[in-house]
Amino acid sequence: MTDSDRVAYEPGAEIVGQYRATYNWTSMEPSTGIIETVADAANRESLGLSPLYDSIDPDALDSLFRLSDEAVSVSFTYEGFEITADSDGEVVLRPSSADRGPGL
């Protein structure tokens, strides 16, 4: 990933445990950006992550953002994170509720 692919990165922005990145979806597929963001947040290599298709169809995700003229937001769970990706390029990760424990 080059610096031009990722527009901004704000670890822990606004909420403790939140990880946020902003991408330009014209230079990077959303599925790739999400995988890279999860790898960064988890401090792991992207090849060591489970396949994204175990959580969401990566081709459908890429097409949804590429083909829509409307604002789109998709949320799903992957690798212990609740992920929200927007058509404007924002990706936000939070620990999944199962990983936060009771009351968190």
PDB file of N, CA and C in Angstrom:
ATOM      1  N   MET A   1       0.848  -1.158   0.000  1.00  0.00           N
ATOM      2  CA  MET A   1       0.000   0.000   0.000  1.00  0.00           C
ATOM      3  C   MET A   1       0.897   1.226   0.000  1.00  0.00           C
ATOM      4  N   THR A   2       0.565   2.193  -0.817  1.00  0.00           N
ATOM      5  CA  THR A   2       1.329   3.428  -0.862  1.00  0.00           C
ATOM      6  C   THR A   2       0.631   4.497  -0.043  1.00  0.00           C
ATOM      7  N   ASP A   3       1.360   5.565   0.264  1.00  0.00           N
ATOM      8  CA  ASP A   3       0.759   6.666   1.015  1.00  0.00           C
ATOM      9  C   ASP A   3      -0.402   7.292   0.265  1.00  0.00           C
ATOM     10  N   SER A   4      -0.365   7.246  -1.071  1.00  0.00           N
ATOM     11  CA  SER A   4      -1.457   7.843  -1.840  1.00  0.00           C
ATOM     12  C   SER A   4      -2.737   7.017  -1.749  1.00  0.00           C
ATOM     13  N   ASP A   5      -2.627   5.730  -1.405  1.00  0.00           N
ATOM     14  CA  ASP A   5      -3.808   4.886  -1.257  1.00  0.00           C
ATOM     15  C   ASP A   5      -4.573   5.221   0.017  1.00  0.00           C
ATOM     16  N   ARG A   6      -3.846   5.469   1.081  1.00  0.00           N
ATOM     17  CA  ARG A   6      -4.486   5.787   2.351  1.00  0.00           C
ATOM     18  C   ARG A   6      -4.409   7.292   2.539  1.00  0.00           C
ATOM     19  N   VAL A   7      -5.546   7.905   2.693  1.00  0.00           N
ATOM     20  CA  VAL A   7      -5.611   9.351   2.836  1.00  0.00           C
ATOM     21  C   VAL A   7      -5.292   9.762   4.267  1.00  0.00           C
ATOM     22  N   ALA A   8      -5.823   9.041   5.238  1.00  0.00           N
ATOM     23  CA  ALA A   8      -5.606   9.409   6.635  1.00  0.00           C
ATOM     24  C   ALA A   8      -5.722   8.183   7.516  1.00  0.00           C
ATOM     25  N   TYR A   9      -5.101   8.263   8.665  1.00  0.00           N
ATOM     26  CA  TYR A   9      -5.156   7.185   9.641  1.00  0.00           C
ATOM     27  C   TYR A   9      -5.229   7.819  11.018  1.00  0.00           C
ATOM     28  N   GLU A  10      -6.213   7.420  11.799  1.00  0.00           N
ATOM     29  CA  GLU A  10      -6.388   7.981  13.134  1.00  0.00           C
ATOM     30  C   GLU A  10      -6.604   6.858  14.140  1.00  0.00           C
ATOM     31  N   PRO A  11      -5.548   6.231  14.637  1.00  0.00           N
ATOM     32  CA  PRO A  11      -5.766   5.174  15.619  1.00  0.00           C
ATOM     33  C   PRO A  11      -6.387   5.737  16.884  1.00  0.00           C
ATOM     34  N   GLY A  12      -7.439   5.099  17.360  1.00  0.00           N
ATOM     35  CA  GLY A  12      -8.079   5.502  18.599  1.00  0.00           C
ATOM     36  C   GLY A  12      -8.832   6.812  18.529  1.00  0.00           C
ATOM     37  N   ALA A  13      -9.139   7.282  17.337  1.00  0.00           N
ATOM     38  CA  ALA A  13      -9.833   8.563  17.201  1.00  0.00           C
ATOM     39  C   ALA A  13     -11.206   8.490  17.852  1.00  0.00           C
ATOM     40  N   GLU A  14     -11.501   9.438  18.704  1.00  0.00           N
ATOM     41  CA  GLU A  14     -12.793   9.658  19.338  1.00  0.00           C
ATOM     42  C   GLU A  14     -13.155   8.611  20.389  1.00  0.00           C
ATOM     43  N   ILE A  15     -12.957   7.340  20.120  1.00  0.00           N
ATOM     44  CA  ILE A  15     -13.382   6.283  21.030  1.00  0.00           C
ATOM     45  C   ILE A  15     -12.181   5.391  21.331  1.00  0.00           C
ATOM     46  N   VAL A  16     -11.961   5.090  22.601  1.00  0.00           N
ATOM     47  CA  VAL A  16     -10.869   4.198  22.962  1.00  0.00           C
ATOM     48  C   VAL A  16     -11.097   2.856  22.289  1.00  0.00           C
ATOM     49  N   GLY A  17     -10.079   2.341  21.667  1.00  0.00           N
ATOM     50  CA  GLY A  17     -10.191   1.070  20.992  1.00  0.00           C
ATOM     51  C   GLY A  17     -10.690   1.160  19.567  1.00  0.00           C
ATOM     52  N   GLN A  18     -10.980   2.346  19.111  1.00  0.00           N
ATOM     53  CA  GLN A  18     -11.442   2.536  17.726  1.00  0.00           C
ATOM     54  C   GLN A  18     -10.237   2.761  16.826  1.00  0.00           C
ATOM     55  N   TYR A  19     -10.311   2.257  15.637  1.00  0.00           N
ATOM     56  CA  TYR A  19      -9.249   2.403  14.649  1.00  0.00           C
ATOM     57  C   TYR A  19      -9.907   2.905  13.380  1.00  0.00           C
ATOM     58  N   ARG A  20      -9.412   4.004  12.846  1.00  0.00           N
ATOM     59  CA  ARG A  20     -10.060   4.636  11.696  1.00  0.00           C
ATOM     60  C   ARG A  20      -9.023   4.908  10.607  1.00  0.00           C
ATOM     61  N   ALA A  21      -9.408   4.641   9.365  1.00  0.00           N
ATOM     62  CA  ALA A  21      -8.570   4.965   8.209  1.00  0.00           C
ATOM     63  C   ALA A  21      -9.477   5.489   7.103  1.00  0.00           C
ATOM     64  N   THR A  22      -8.926   6.326   6.260  1.00  0.00           N
ATOM     65  CA  THR A  22      -9.673   6.855   5.124  1.00  0.00           C
ATOM     66  C   THR A  22      -8.886   6.571   3.858  1.00  0.00           C
ATOM     67  N   TYR A  23      -9.575   6.036   2.866  1.00  0.00           N
ATOM     68  CA  TYR A  23      -8.948   5.641   1.609  1.00  0.00           C
ATOM     69  C   TYR A  23      -9.598   6.351   0.432  1.00  0.00           C
ATOM     70  N   ASN A  24      -8.904   6.339  -0.658  1.00  0.00           N
ATOM     71  CA  ASN A  24      -9.448   6.785  -1.935  1.00  0.00           C
ATOM     72  C   ASN A  24      -9.831   5.514  -2.689  1.00  0.00           C
ATOM     73  N   TRP A  25     -11.125   5.213  -2.755  1.00  0.00           N
ATOM     74  CA  TRP A  25     -11.571   3.960  -3.376  1.00  0.00           C
ATOM     75  C   TRP A  25     -11.323   3.926  -4.881  1.00  0.00           C
ATOM     76  N   THR A  26     -10.923   5.019  -5.498  1.00  0.00           N
ATOM     77  CA  THR A  26     -10.581   4.962  -6.923  1.00  0.00           C
ATOM     78  C   THR A  26      -9.186   4.384  -7.129  1.00  0.00           C
ATOM     79  N   SER A  27      -8.348   4.400  -6.090  1.00  0.00           N
ATOM     80  CA  SER A  27      -7.000   3.847  -6.232  1.00  0.00           C
ATOM     81  C   SER A  27      -6.811   2.539  -5.469  1.00  0.00           C
ATOM     82  N   MET A  28      -7.799   2.137  -4.681  1.00  0.00           N
ATOM     83  CA  MET A  28      -7.718   0.882  -3.939  1.00  0.00           C
ATOM     84  C   MET A  28      -9.108   0.278  -3.813  1.00  0.00           C
ATOM     85  N   GLU A  29      -9.197  -1.024  -4.010  1.00  0.00           N
ATOM     86  CA  GLU A  29     -10.467  -1.725  -3.820  1.00  0.00           C
ATOM     87  C   GLU A  29     -10.836  -1.675  -2.337  1.00  0.00           C
ATOM     88  N   PRO A  30     -12.107  -1.451  -2.012  1.00  0.00           N
ATOM     89  CA  PRO A  30     -12.521  -1.431  -0.609  1.00  0.00           C
ATOM     90  C   PRO A  30     -12.142  -2.706   0.152  1.00  0.00           C
ATOM     91  N   SER A  31     -12.278  -3.851  -0.476  1.00  0.00           N
ATOM     92  CA  SER A  31     -11.934  -5.100   0.208  1.00  0.00           C
ATOM     93  C   SER A  31     -10.462  -5.117   0.613  1.00  0.00           C
ATOM     94  N   THR A  32      -9.597  -4.609  -0.233  1.00  0.00           N
ATOM     95  CA  THR A  32      -8.167  -4.550   0.075  1.00  0.00           C
ATOM     96  C   THR A  32      -7.902  -3.558   1.201  1.00  0.00           C
ATOM     97  N   GLY A  33      -8.545  -2.402   1.150  1.00  0.00           N
ATOM     98  CA  GLY A  33      -8.376  -1.407   2.206  1.00  0.00           C
ATOM     99  C   GLY A  33      -8.816  -1.925   3.559  1.00  0.00           C
ATOM    100  N   ILE A  34      -9.910  -2.652   3.578  1.00  0.00           N
ATOM    101  CA  ILE A  34     -10.409  -3.213   4.836  1.00  0.00           C
ATOM    102  C   ILE A  34      -9.427  -4.235   5.387  1.00  0.00           C
ATOM    103  N   ILE A  35      -8.929  -5.108   4.543  1.00  0.00           N
ATOM    104  CA  ILE A  35      -7.953  -6.111   4.986  1.00  0.00           C
ATOM    105  C   ILE A  35      -6.706  -5.430   5.540  1.00  0.00           C
ATOM    106  N   GLU A  36      -6.197  -4.422   4.849  1.00  0.00           N
ATOM    107  CA  GLU A  36      -5.004  -3.709   5.310  1.00  0.00           C
ATOM    108  C   GLU A  36      -5.261  -2.990   6.632  1.00  0.00           C
ATOM    109  N   THR A  37      -6.447  -2.413   6.790  1.00  0.00           N
ATOM    110  CA  THR A  37      -6.783  -1.713   8.028  1.00  0.00           C
ATOM    111  C   THR A  37      -6.860  -2.692   9.194  1.00  0.00           C
ATOM    112  N   VAL A  38      -7.489  -3.838   8.977  1.00  0.00           N
ATOM    113  CA  VAL A  38      -7.573  -4.860  10.026  1.00  0.00           C
ATOM    114  C   VAL A  38      -6.178  -5.364  10.381  1.00  0.00           C
ATOM    115  N   ALA A  39      -5.355  -5.611   9.389  1.00  0.00           N
ATOM    116  CA  ALA A  39      -3.988  -6.077   9.648  1.00  0.00           C
ATOM    117  C   ALA A  39      -3.222  -5.051  10.482  1.00  0.00           C
ATOM    118  N   ASP A  40      -3.343  -3.779  10.135  1.00  0.00           N
ATOM    119  CA  ASP A  40      -2.676  -2.722  10.909  1.00  0.00           C
ATOM    120  C   ASP A  40      -3.194  -2.682  12.341  1.00  0.00           C
ATOM    121  N   ALA A  41      -4.512  -2.705  12.503  1.00  0.00           N
ATOM    122  CA  ALA A  41      -5.117  -2.604  13.834  1.00  0.00           C
ATOM    123  C   ALA A  41      -4.765  -3.807  14.706  1.00  0.00           C
ATOM    124  N   ALA A  42      -4.683  -4.974  14.096  1.00  0.00           N
ATOM    125  CA  ALA A  42      -4.389  -6.201  14.834  1.00  0.00           C
ATOM    126  C   ALA A  42      -2.888  -6.460  14.947  1.00  0.00           C
ATOM    127  N   ASN A  43      -2.086  -5.591  14.315  1.00  0.00           N
ATOM    128  CA  ASN A  43      -0.632  -5.755  14.296  1.00  0.00           C
ATOM    129  C   ASN A  43      -0.242  -7.139  13.763  1.00  0.00           C
ATOM    130  N   ARG A  44      -0.858  -7.485  12.627  1.00  0.00           N
ATOM    131  CA  ARG A  44      -0.612  -8.773  11.974  1.00  0.00           C
ATOM    132  C   ARG A  44      -0.377  -8.555  10.490  1.00  0.00           C
ATOM    133  N   GLU A  45       0.190  -9.527   9.845  1.00  0.00           N
ATOM    134  CA  GLU A  45       0.347  -9.504   8.394  1.00  0.00           C
ATOM    135  C   GLU A  45      -1.005  -9.813   7.760  1.00  0.00           C
ATOM    136  N   SER A  46      -1.312  -9.157   6.661  1.00  0.00           N
ATOM    137  CA  SER A  46      -2.607  -9.382   6.012  1.00  0.00           C
ATOM    138  C   SER A  46      -2.772 -10.832   5.560  1.00  0.00           C
ATOM    139  N   LEU A  47      -1.683 -11.486   5.177  1.00  0.00           N
ATOM    140  CA  LEU A  47      -1.779 -12.885   4.744  1.00  0.00           C
ATOM    141  C   LEU A  47      -2.081 -13.830   5.905  1.00  0.00           C
ATOM    142  N   GLY A  48      -1.893 -13.369   7.132  1.00  0.00           N
ATOM    143  CA  GLY A  48      -2.190 -14.183   8.304  1.00  0.00           C
ATOM    144  C   GLY A  48      -3.627 -14.071   8.780  1.00  0.00           C
ATOM    145  N   LEU A  49      -4.413 -13.215   8.129  1.00  0.00           N
ATOM    146  CA  LEU A  49      -5.820 -13.054   8.494  1.00  0.00           C
ATOM    147  C   LEU A  49      -6.668 -14.125   7.822  1.00  0.00           C
ATOM    148  N   SER A  50      -7.823 -14.401   8.400  1.00  0.00           N
ATOM    149  CA  SER A  50      -8.748 -15.328   7.747  1.00  0.00           C
ATOM    150  C   SER A  50      -9.272 -14.674   6.465  1.00  0.00           C
ATOM    151  N   PRO A  51      -9.730 -15.472   5.516  1.00  0.00           N
ATOM    152  CA  PRO A  51     -10.241 -14.891   4.265  1.00  0.00           C
ATOM    153  C   PRO A  51     -11.426 -13.964   4.530  1.00  0.00           C
ATOM    154  N   LEU A  52     -11.414 -12.815   3.886  1.00  0.00           N
ATOM    155  CA  LEU A  52     -12.499 -11.852   4.052  1.00  0.00           C
ATOM    156  C   LEU A  52     -13.833 -12.467   3.647  1.00  0.00           C
ATOM    157  N   TYR A  53     -13.814 -13.359   2.654  1.00  0.00           N
ATOM    158  CA  TYR A  53     -15.065 -13.951   2.166  1.00  0.00           C
ATOM    159  C   TYR A  53     -15.747 -14.829   3.209  1.00  0.00           C
ATOM    160  N   ASP A  54     -15.050 -15.133   4.319  1.00  0.00           N
ATOM    161  CA  ASP A  54     -15.720 -15.840   5.419  1.00  0.00           C
ATOM    162  C   ASP A  54     -16.715 -14.927   6.132  1.00  0.00           C
ATOM    163  N   SER A  55     -16.565 -13.608   5.956  1.00  0.00           N
ATOM    164  CA  SER A  55     -17.442 -12.635   6.612  1.00  0.00           C
ATOM    165  C   SER A  55     -18.333 -11.871   5.649  1.00  0.00           C
ATOM    166  N   ILE A  56     -17.818 -11.585   4.458  1.00  0.00           N
ATOM    167  CA  ILE A  56     -18.552 -10.785   3.471  1.00  0.00           C
ATOM    168  C   ILE A  56     -17.992 -11.102   2.086  1.00  0.00           C
ATOM    169  N   ASP A  57     -18.816 -10.994   1.074  1.00  0.00           N
ATOM    170  CA  ASP A  57     -18.376 -11.236  -0.299  1.00  0.00           C
ATOM    171  C   ASP A  57     -17.546 -10.033  -0.767  1.00  0.00           C
ATOM    172  N   PRO A  58     -16.218 -10.192  -0.924  1.00  0.00           N
ATOM    173  CA  PRO A  58     -15.377  -9.056  -1.295  1.00  0.00           C
ATOM    174  C   PRO A  58     -15.718  -8.470  -2.664  1.00  0.00           C
ATOM    175  N   ASP A  59     -16.094  -9.303  -3.621  1.00  0.00           N
ATOM    176  CA  ASP A  59     -16.450  -8.793  -4.951  1.00  0.00           C
ATOM    177  C   ASP A  59     -17.719  -7.951  -4.888  1.00  0.00           C
ATOM    178  N   ALA A  60     -18.700  -8.408  -4.114  1.00  0.00           N
ATOM    179  CA  ALA A  60     -19.940  -7.639  -3.960  1.00  0.00           C
ATOM    180  C   ALA A  60     -19.667  -6.319  -3.243  1.00  0.00           C
ATOM    181  N   LEU A  61     -18.812  -6.355  -2.230  1.00  0.00           N
ATOM    182  CA  LEU A  61     -18.444  -5.142  -1.503  1.00  0.00           C
ATOM    183  C   LEU A  61     -17.794  -4.127  -2.442  1.00  0.00           C
ATOM    184  N   ASP A  62     -16.820  -4.573  -3.221  1.00  0.00           N
ATOM    185  CA  ASP A  62     -16.135  -3.679  -4.162  1.00  0.00           C
ATOM    186  C   ASP A  62     -17.110  -3.110  -5.184  1.00  0.00           C
ATOM    187  N   SER A  63     -17.982  -3.958  -5.710  1.00  0.00           N
ATOM    188  CA  SER A  63     -18.962  -3.505  -6.705  1.00  0.00           C
ATOM    189  C   SER A  63     -19.946  -2.511  -6.113  1.00  0.00           C
ATOM    190  N   LEU A  64     -20.367  -2.757  -4.885  1.00  0.00           N
ATOM    191  CA  LEU A  64     -21.322  -1.864  -4.235  1.00  0.00           C
ATOM    192  C   LEU A  64     -20.779  -0.438  -4.164  1.00  0.00           C
ATOM    193  N   PHE A  65     -19.537  -0.290  -3.756  1.00  0.00           N
ATOM    194  CA  PHE A  65     -18.945   1.044  -3.657  1.00  0.00           C
ATOM    195  C   PHE A  65     -18.607   1.621  -5.023  1.00  0.00           C
ATOM    196  N   ARG A  66     -18.180   0.787  -5.933  1.00  0.00           N
ATOM    197  CA  ARG A  66     -17.769   1.249  -7.259  1.00  0.00           C
ATOM    198  C   ARG A  66     -18.963   1.669  -8.114  1.00  0.00           C
ATOM    199  N   LEU A  67     -20.082   0.978  -8.001  1.00  0.00           N
ATOM    200  CA  LEU A  67     -21.211   1.193  -8.903  1.00  0.00           C
ATOM    201  C   LEU A  67     -22.296   2.109  -8.347  1.00  0.00           C
ATOM    202  N   SER A  68     -22.237   2.432  -7.078  1.00  0.00           N
ATOM    203  CA  SER A  68     -23.300   3.236  -6.475  1.00  0.00           C
ATOM    204  C   SER A  68     -23.011   4.728  -6.590  1.00  0.00           C
ATOM    205  N   ASP A  69     -24.040   5.477  -6.970  1.00  0.00           N
ATOM    206  CA  ASP A  69     -23.940   6.935  -6.983  1.00  0.00           C
ATOM    207  C   ASP A  69     -24.432   7.520  -5.658  1.00  0.00           C
ATOM    208  N   GLU A  70     -24.985   6.686  -4.820  1.00  0.00           N
ATOM    209  CA  GLU A  70     -25.525   7.102  -3.523  1.00  0.00           C
ATOM    210  C   GLU A  70     -24.486   6.840  -2.428  1.00  0.00           C
ATOM    211  N   ALA A  71     -24.673   7.487  -1.297  1.00  0.00           N
ATOM    212  CA  ALA A  71     -23.837   7.204  -0.135  1.00  0.00           C
ATOM    213  C   ALA A  71     -24.177   5.802   0.367  1.00  0.00           C
ATOM    214  N   VAL A  72     -23.161   4.990   0.573  1.00  0.00           N
ATOM    215  CA  VAL A  72     -23.347   3.605   0.998  1.00  0.00           C
ATOM    216  C   VAL A  72     -22.509   3.368   2.249  1.00  0.00           C
ATOM    217  N   SER A  73     -23.066   2.626   3.185  1.00  0.00           N
ATOM    218  CA  SER A  73     -22.350   2.224   4.388  1.00  0.00           C
ATOM    219  C   SER A  73     -22.622   0.743   4.619  1.00  0.00           C
ATOM    220  N   VAL A  74     -21.573  -0.008   4.891  1.00  0.00           N
ATOM    221  CA  VAL A  74     -21.689  -1.445   5.121  1.00  0.00           C
ATOM    222  C   VAL A  74     -21.026  -1.764   6.456  1.00  0.00           C
ATOM    223  N   SER A  75     -21.700  -2.561   7.273  1.00  0.00           N
ATOM    224  CA  SER A  75     -21.140  -2.982   8.560  1.00  0.00           C
ATOM    225  C   SER A  75     -21.159  -4.499   8.644  1.00  0.00           C
ATOM    226  N   PHE A  76     -20.092  -5.048   9.198  1.00  0.00           N
ATOM    227  CA  PHE A  76     -19.979  -6.494   9.366  1.00  0.00           C
ATOM    228  C   PHE A  76     -18.882  -6.773  10.387  1.00  0.00           C
ATOM    229  N   THR A  77     -18.785  -8.021  10.825  1.00  0.00           N
ATOM    230  CA  THR A  77     -17.768  -8.441  11.782  1.00  0.00           C
ATOM    231  C   THR A  77     -16.724  -9.285  11.067  1.00  0.00           C
ATOM    232  N   TYR A  78     -15.449  -9.008  11.389  1.00  0.00           N
ATOM    233  CA  TYR A  78     -14.335  -9.732  10.765  1.00  0.00           C
ATOM    234  C   TYR A  78     -13.135  -9.672  11.699  1.00  0.00           C
ATOM    235  N   GLU A  79     -12.533 -10.800  11.974  1.00  0.00           N
ATOM    236  CA  GLU A  79     -11.312 -10.898  12.776  1.00  0.00           C
ATOM    237  C   GLU A  79     -11.433 -10.206  14.140  1.00  0.00           C
ATOM    238  N   GLY A  80     -12.606 -10.308  14.765  1.00  0.00           N
ATOM    239  CA  GLY A  80     -12.799  -9.735  16.089  1.00  0.00           C
ATOM    240  C   GLY A  80     -13.104  -8.249  16.106  1.00  0.00           C
ATOM    241  N   PHE A  81     -13.371  -7.669  14.935  1.00  0.00           N
ATOM    242  CA  PHE A  81     -13.710  -6.251  14.837  1.00  0.00           C
ATOM    243  C   PHE A  81     -15.091  -6.079  14.228  1.00  0.00           C
ATOM    244  N   GLU A  82     -15.821  -5.079  14.724  1.00  0.00           N
ATOM    245  CA  GLU A  82     -17.022  -4.604  14.041  1.00  0.00           C
ATOM    246  C   GLU A  82     -16.527  -3.533  13.078  1.00  0.00           C
ATOM    247  N   ILE A  83     -16.751  -3.747  11.799  1.00  0.00           N
ATOM    248  CA  ILE A  83     -16.209  -2.882  10.758  1.00  0.00           C
ATOM    249  C   ILE A  83     -17.346  -2.138  10.082  1.00  0.00           C
ATOM    250  N   THR A  84     -17.156  -0.848   9.899  1.00  0.00           N
ATOM    251  CA  THR A  84     -18.071  -0.042   9.104  1.00  0.00           C
ATOM    252  C   THR A  84     -17.246   0.630   8.022  1.00  0.00           C
ATOM    253  N   ALA A  85     -17.630   0.403   6.781  1.00  0.00           N
ATOM    254  CA  ALA A  85     -16.957   1.021   5.634  1.00  0.00           C
ATOM    255  C   ALA A  85     -17.977   1.859   4.884  1.00  0.00           C
ATOM    256  N   ASP A  86     -17.566   3.054   4.494  1.00  0.00           N
ATOM    257  CA  ASP A  86     -18.444   3.981   3.788  1.00  0.00           C
ATOM    258  C   ASP A  86     -17.934   4.231   2.379  1.00  0.00           C
ATOM    259  N   SER A  87     -18.853   4.611   1.506  1.00  0.00           N
ATOM    260  CA  SER A  87     -18.486   4.887   0.118  1.00  0.00           C
ATOM    261  C   SER A  87     -17.568   6.098  -0.007  1.00  0.00           C
ATOM    262  N   ASP A  88     -17.489   6.929   1.038  1.00  0.00           N
ATOM    263  CA  ASP A  88     -16.575   8.074   0.997  1.00  0.00           C
ATOM    264  C   ASP A  88     -15.142   7.685   1.351  1.00  0.00           C
ATOM    265  N   GLY A  89     -14.908   6.402   1.633  1.00  0.00           N
ATOM    266  CA  GLY A  89     -13.558   5.899   1.885  1.00  0.00           C
ATOM    267  C   GLY A  89     -13.212   5.689   3.342  1.00  0.00           C
ATOM    268  N   GLU A  90     -14.132   5.983   4.234  1.00  0.00           N
ATOM    269  CA  GLU A  90     -13.849   5.819   5.657  1.00  0.00           C
ATOM    270  C   GLU A  90     -14.060   4.372   6.090  1.00  0.00           C
ATOM    271  N   VAL A  91     -13.098   3.850   6.851  1.00  0.00           N
ATOM    272  CA  VAL A  91     -13.187   2.519   7.446  1.00  0.00           C
ATOM    273  C   VAL A  91     -12.974   2.696   8.944  1.00  0.00           C
ATOM    274  N   VAL A  92     -13.940   2.219   9.746  1.00  0.00           N
ATOM    275  CA  VAL A  92     -13.851   2.321  11.200  1.00  0.00           C
ATOM    276  C   VAL A  92     -13.936   0.917  11.776  1.00  0.00           C
ATOM    277  N   LEU A  93     -12.989   0.587  12.645  1.00  0.00           N
ATOM    278  CA  LEU A  93     -12.960  -0.700  13.327  1.00  0.00           C
ATOM    279  C   LEU A  93     -13.138  -0.464  14.819  1.00  0.00           C
ATOM    280  N   ARG A  94     -13.960  -1.310  15.426  1.00  0.00           N
ATOM    281  CA  ARG A  94     -14.127  -1.334  16.877  1.00  0.00           C
ATOM    282  C   ARG A  94     -14.065  -2.801  17.298  1.00  0.00           C
ATOM    283  N   PRO A  95     -13.571  -3.083  18.485  1.00  0.00           N
ATOM    284  CA  PRO A  95     -13.614  -4.472  18.941  1.00  0.00           C
ATOM    285  C   PRO A  95     -15.056  -4.964  18.912  1.00  0.00           C
ATOM    286  N   SER A  96     -15.259  -6.184  18.450  1.00  0.00           N
ATOM    287  CA  SER A  96     -16.625  -6.707  18.394  1.00  0.00           C
ATOM    288  C   SER A  96     -17.170  -6.825  19.808  1.00  0.00           C
ATOM    289  N   SER A  97     -18.482  -6.747  19.946  1.00  0.00           N
ATOM    290  CA  SER A  97     -19.108  -6.774  21.269  1.00  0.00           C
ATOM    291  C   SER A  97     -18.754  -8.051  22.018  1.00  0.00           C
ATOM    292  N   ALA A  98     -18.542  -9.149  21.318  1.00  0.00           N
ATOM    293  CA  ALA A  98     -18.160 -10.404  21.965  1.00  0.00           C
ATOM    294  C   ALA A  98     -16.771 -10.289  22.592  1.00  0.00           C
ATOM    295  N   ASP A  99     -15.893  -9.464  21.993  1.00  0.00           N
ATOM    296  CA  ASP A  99     -14.537  -9.304  22.501  1.00  0.00           C
ATOM    297  C   ASP A  99     -14.422  -8.221  23.570  1.00  0.00           C
ATOM    298  N   ARG A 100     -15.444  -7.379  23.710  1.00  0.00           N
ATOM    299  CA  ARG A 100     -15.399  -6.290  24.687  1.00  0.00           C
ATOM    300  C   ARG A 100     -15.790  -6.749  26.079  1.00  0.00           C
ATOM    301  N   GLY A 101     -16.514  -7.832  26.174  1.00  0.00           N
ATOM    302  CA  GLY A 101     -16.953  -8.318  27.472  1.00  0.00           C
ATOM    303  C   GLY A 101     -18.259  -7.675  27.895  1.00  0.00           C
ATOM    304  N   PRO A 102     -18.828  -8.129  28.993  1.00  0.00           N
ATOM    305  CA  PRO A 102     -20.119  -7.611  29.444  1.00  0.00           C
ATOM    306  C   PRO A 102     -20.018  -6.150  29.876  1.00  0.00           C
ATOM    307  N   GLY A 103     -21.036  -5.391  29.506  1.00  0.00           N
ATOM    308  CA  GLY A 103     -21.128  -4.007  29.934  1.00  0.00           C
ATOM    309  C   GLY A 103     -20.254  -3.032  29.186  1.00  0.00           C
ATOM    310  N   LEU A 104     -19.533  -3.468  28.201  1.00  0.00           N
ATOM    311  CA  LEU A 104     -18.654  -2.565  27.448  1.00  0.00           C
ATOM    312  C   LEU A 104     -19.211  -2.281  26.089  1.00  0.00           C
TER     313      LEU A 104
END
